[in-house]
């Protein structure tokens, strides 16, 4: 396993992209398929800077409860080649305010003792949101509250219906390498272009250029 165990293993999925659609969807079932040139989560590649293909399915109720699963190929340099996530949450909007709270289980069926779970929460107003995620349990030594990720996101519409996103996050580990990540993105009609960077040279000091497409299907 490359780099610090807690840094590499505690990065598993783009929650902000894959869960938000479930959190604020109308009641029903929605499937999604996606492709990207580099699977990045919290600033770190999950696919050794190679392409990844993903798919998921979500069910949301009109009360705000949602549940879903999401899968992708991964490459951490070890045995793990597949990520399979399960999540459950509650989200709603009140005027210009929004909130989202839940739990996600990050599973690696062919990995060796690297599964873990997080609880997360976020609140938003208009074009800004802030969120926090923390370890709930893990197959290694991290316990509840040991590793914490805090993030802030700004989203604007520019040039008509193109969405501009700005993100900053901070990952703090009880036993590992703390770092911050930053990205800027442009999105439209399922297509996304993102520039991502992290603050810690030991991770990777180069900018990551990420291009992706996600298609949603109402079932």
Protein backbone atom coordinates (compact mmCIF):
# COMPACT_ATOMS: atom_id res chain seq x y z
CA UNK A 1 0.00 0.00 0.00
CA UNK A 2 1.50 3.30 -1.10
CA UNK A 3 1.90 6.43 1.01
CA UNK A 4 0.34 6.73 4.44
CA UNK A 5 -2.36 4.12 5.09
CA UNK A 6 -4.82 6.57 6.59
CA UNK A 7 -4.43 9.03 3.74
CA UNK A 8 -4.83 6.58 0.88
CA UNK A 9 -7.45 4.27 2.34
CA UNK A 10 -9.64 7.02 3.70
CA UNK A 11 -10.33 8.36 0.22
CA UNK A 12 -12.98 6.46 -1.60
CA UNK A 13 -15.70 8.35 -3.44
CA UNK A 14 -16.79 11.70 -4.77
CA UNK A 15 -19.62 12.12 -2.34
CA UNK A 16 -20.30 15.67 -3.31
CA UNK A 17 -21.01 14.61 -6.90
CA UNK A 18 -22.70 11.24 -6.37
CA UNK A 19 -24.85 11.82 -3.30
CA UNK A 20 -26.17 15.31 -3.90
CA UNK A 21 -28.49 14.16 -6.67
CA UNK A 22 -30.04 11.62 -4.33
CA UNK A 23 -30.31 14.06 -1.47
CA UNK A 24 -32.47 16.60 -3.28
CA UNK A 25 -34.21 14.42 -5.86
CA UNK A 26 -37.95 14.07 -6.16
CA UNK A 27 -39.44 10.85 -4.84
CA UNK A 28 -38.41 7.86 -6.93
CA UNK A 29 -35.51 5.77 -8.17
CA UNK A 30 -32.64 7.26 -10.18
CA UNK A 31 -29.73 5.34 -11.71
CA UNK A 32 -26.46 6.95 -12.78
CA UNK A 33 -23.48 5.94 -14.90
CA UNK A 34 -20.27 7.92 -15.23
CA UNK A 35 -16.82 7.98 -16.75
CA UNK A 36 -13.79 10.09 -15.84
CA UNK A 37 -10.15 10.35 -16.85
CA UNK A 38 -9.12 10.33 -13.16
CA UNK A 39 -11.14 9.35 -10.10
CA UNK A 40 -10.35 12.10 -7.58
CA UNK A 41 -11.80 12.34 -4.07
CA UNK A 42 -10.74 14.98 -1.57
CA UNK A 43 -7.85 15.91 -3.82
CA UNK A 44 -6.32 12.42 -4.10
CA UNK A 45 -6.54 10.00 -7.04
CA UNK A 46 -8.34 6.74 -6.36
CA UNK A 47 -7.35 5.18 -9.69
CA UNK A 48 -3.60 5.85 -9.90
CA UNK A 49 -4.29 8.77 -12.26
CA UNK A 50 -6.06 6.44 -14.70
CA UNK A 51 -9.66 6.43 -16.08
CA UNK A 52 -12.54 5.10 -14.01
CA UNK A 53 -16.08 3.99 -14.77
CA UNK A 54 -18.83 4.21 -12.14
CA UNK A 55 -22.49 3.36 -11.68
CA UNK A 56 -25.03 3.80 -8.93
CA UNK A 57 -28.69 3.74 -8.01
CA UNK A 58 -30.56 5.93 -5.51
CA UNK A 59 -34.02 5.94 -3.99
CA UNK A 60 -35.43 9.13 -2.44
CA UNK A 61 -38.71 9.72 -0.64
CA UNK A 62 -40.70 12.94 -0.53
CA UNK A 63 -39.90 13.17 3.20
CA UNK A 64 -36.18 13.71 2.44
CA UNK A 65 -34.92 10.21 3.27
CA UNK A 66 -32.63 8.69 0.64
CA UNK A 67 -30.69 5.46 0.26
CA UNK A 68 -28.36 4.27 -2.45
CA UNK A 69 -25.30 2.45 -3.65
CA UNK A 70 -22.40 3.43 -5.90
CA UNK A 71 -19.50 1.50 -7.42
CA UNK A 72 -16.28 2.29 -9.30
CA UNK A 73 -12.98 0.75 -10.24
CA UNK A 74 -10.03 1.84 -8.06
CA UNK A 75 -6.27 1.34 -7.96
CA UNK A 76 -4.39 1.96 -4.71
CA UNK A 77 -1.37 -0.11 -5.74
CA UNK A 78 -2.60 -3.17 -3.78
CA UNK A 79 -5.22 -5.87 -4.28
CA UNK A 80 -8.27 -3.61 -4.23
CA UNK A 81 -9.74 -3.01 -7.69
CA UNK A 82 -13.37 -2.26 -6.88
CA UNK A 83 -15.12 0.17 -4.56
CA UNK A 84 -18.73 -0.49 -3.51
CA UNK A 85 -20.42 2.11 -1.31
CA UNK A 86 -23.73 2.09 0.55
CA UNK A 87 -25.30 5.21 2.02
CA UNK A 88 -28.38 6.42 3.86
CA UNK A 89 -29.30 9.99 4.64
CA UNK A 90 -31.87 12.69 5.22
CA UNK A 91 -31.89 15.96 3.31
CA UNK A 92 -34.31 18.78 2.69
CA UNK A 93 -34.63 22.42 1.72
CA UNK A 94 -36.34 25.23 3.60
CA UNK A 95 -36.48 28.31 1.41
CA UNK A 96 -32.89 29.13 0.43
CA UNK A 97 -31.52 26.92 3.21
CA UNK A 98 -30.66 23.23 2.80
CA UNK A 99 -29.30 20.45 4.99
CA UNK A 100 -28.06 16.91 4.51
CA UNK A 101 -27.07 14.34 7.13
CA UNK A 102 -26.19 10.69 6.68
CA UNK A 103 -23.90 7.68 6.82
CA UNK A 104 -21.79 6.08 4.08
CA UNK A 105 -20.04 2.72 4.09
CA UNK A 106 -16.96 2.47 1.84
CA UNK A 107 -16.43 -1.15 0.85
CA UNK A 108 -13.57 -2.74 -1.10
CA UNK A 109 -14.64 -6.35 -1.74
CA UNK A 110 -11.22 -7.52 -2.96
CA UNK A 111 -9.20 -5.36 -0.56
CA UNK A 112 -7.54 -6.43 2.66
CA UNK A 113 -9.01 -4.82 5.80
CA UNK A 114 -9.57 -1.38 4.24
CA UNK A 115 -13.36 -0.93 4.57
CA UNK A 116 -14.61 1.98 6.66
CA UNK A 117 -17.66 4.12 7.39
CA UNK A 118 -18.29 7.84 7.84
CA UNK A 119 -21.06 10.01 9.16
CA UNK A 120 -21.52 13.35 7.41
CA UNK A 121 -23.53 16.53 7.59
CA UNK A 122 -23.81 19.76 5.64
CA UNK A 123 -25.82 22.95 5.62
CA UNK A 124 -26.22 25.37 2.76
CA UNK A 125 -27.61 28.77 1.95
CA UNK A 126 -28.13 30.09 -1.54
CA UNK A 127 -24.77 29.51 -3.30
CA UNK A 128 -22.63 28.42 -0.32
CA UNK A 129 -22.46 25.20 1.69
CA UNK A 130 -20.26 23.87 4.49
CA UNK A 131 -19.91 20.27 5.55
CA UNK A 132 -18.12 17.89 7.90
CA UNK A 133 -17.43 14.16 7.67
CA UNK A 134 -15.81 11.96 10.28
CA UNK A 135 -14.81 8.34 10.66
CA UNK A 136 -17.55 6.19 12.20
CA UNK A 137 -15.57 2.92 12.18
CA UNK A 138 -12.79 1.26 10.19
CA UNK A 139 -11.07 -2.07 9.58
CA UNK A 140 -7.84 -0.54 10.84
CA UNK A 141 -7.21 1.50 14.00
CA UNK A 142 -9.30 4.64 13.33
CA UNK A 143 -12.32 4.92 15.61
CA UNK A 144 -15.27 7.29 15.73
CA UNK A 145 -14.17 10.90 15.33
CA UNK A 146 -10.49 10.14 14.72
CA UNK A 147 -10.30 11.47 11.14
CA UNK A 148 -12.24 14.60 10.20
CA UNK A 149 -12.82 16.29 6.85
CA UNK A 150 -14.21 19.85 6.74
CA UNK A 151 -15.18 21.54 3.49
CA UNK A 152 -16.72 24.70 2.03
CA UNK A 153 -18.22 24.97 -1.44
CA UNK A 154 -19.44 27.88 -3.57
CA UNK A 155 -21.61 27.33 -6.66
CA UNK A 156 -22.60 29.96 -9.22
CA UNK A 157 -24.22 30.01 -12.62
CA UNK A 158 -22.05 31.72 -15.26
CA UNK A 159 -22.49 32.22 -19.00
CA UNK A 160 -26.12 31.18 -18.84
CA UNK A 161 -26.50 27.67 -17.39
CA UNK A 162 -22.86 26.69 -16.88
CA UNK A 163 -22.17 25.96 -13.20
CA UNK A 164 -18.95 27.27 -11.64
CA UNK A 165 -17.85 25.49 -8.48
CA UNK A 166 -15.18 26.50 -5.96
CA UNK A 167 -14.11 24.10 -3.21
CA UNK A 168 -11.72 24.06 -0.28
CA UNK A 169 -11.35 21.17 2.16
CA UNK A 170 -9.18 20.20 5.11
CA UNK A 171 -8.46 16.57 6.09
CA UNK A 172 -7.20 16.06 9.65
CA UNK A 173 -6.05 12.60 10.74
CA UNK A 174 -5.57 11.25 14.24
CA UNK A 175 -2.61 9.22 12.94
CA UNK A 176 -1.59 10.38 9.48
CA UNK A 177 -0.65 13.17 7.11
CA UNK A 178 -2.97 16.20 7.36
CA UNK A 179 -3.56 18.21 4.19
CA UNK A 180 -5.85 20.68 2.43
CA UNK A 181 -7.37 20.33 -1.04
CA UNK A 182 -8.71 22.92 -3.45
CA UNK A 183 -10.53 22.72 -6.76
CA UNK A 184 -12.40 24.78 -9.31
CA UNK A 185 -14.87 23.22 -11.73
CA UNK A 186 -17.18 23.98 -14.64
CA UNK A 187 -20.22 21.77 -15.22
CA UNK A 188 -23.06 21.55 -17.72
CA UNK A 189 -25.48 18.81 -18.80
CA UNK A 190 -23.56 16.06 -16.99
CA UNK A 191 -20.15 17.13 -18.29
CA UNK A 192 -17.57 18.46 -15.83
CA UNK A 193 -14.08 19.93 -16.05
CA UNK A 194 -12.10 20.34 -12.82
CA UNK A 195 -8.67 21.52 -11.69
CA UNK A 196 -7.65 20.04 -8.33
CA UNK A 197 -4.66 20.66 -6.05
CA UNK A 198 -3.51 19.61 -2.57
CA UNK A 199 -1.32 21.49 -0.12
CA UNK A 200 0.98 18.63 0.87
CA UNK A 201 3.95 17.95 -1.43
CA UNK A 202 4.27 14.38 -0.13
CA UNK A 203 0.90 13.59 -1.72
CA UNK A 204 1.35 15.12 -5.19
CA UNK A 205 2.23 18.72 -5.86
CA UNK A 206 0.96 18.72 -9.45
CA UNK A 207 -2.44 20.02 -10.47
CA UNK A 208 -4.91 17.32 -11.44
CA UNK A 209 -7.01 17.94 -14.54
CA UNK A 210 -10.25 15.96 -14.35
CA UNK A 211 -12.83 15.56 -17.10
CA UNK A 212 -15.95 13.52 -16.46
CA UNK A 213 -19.45 12.76 -17.68
CA UNK A 214 -22.38 11.47 -15.64
CA UNK A 215 -25.75 10.41 -17.03
CA UNK A 216 -28.82 9.98 -14.83
CA UNK A 217 -31.79 7.75 -15.67
CA UNK A 218 -35.18 7.98 -13.96
CA UNK A 219 -36.54 4.49 -13.30
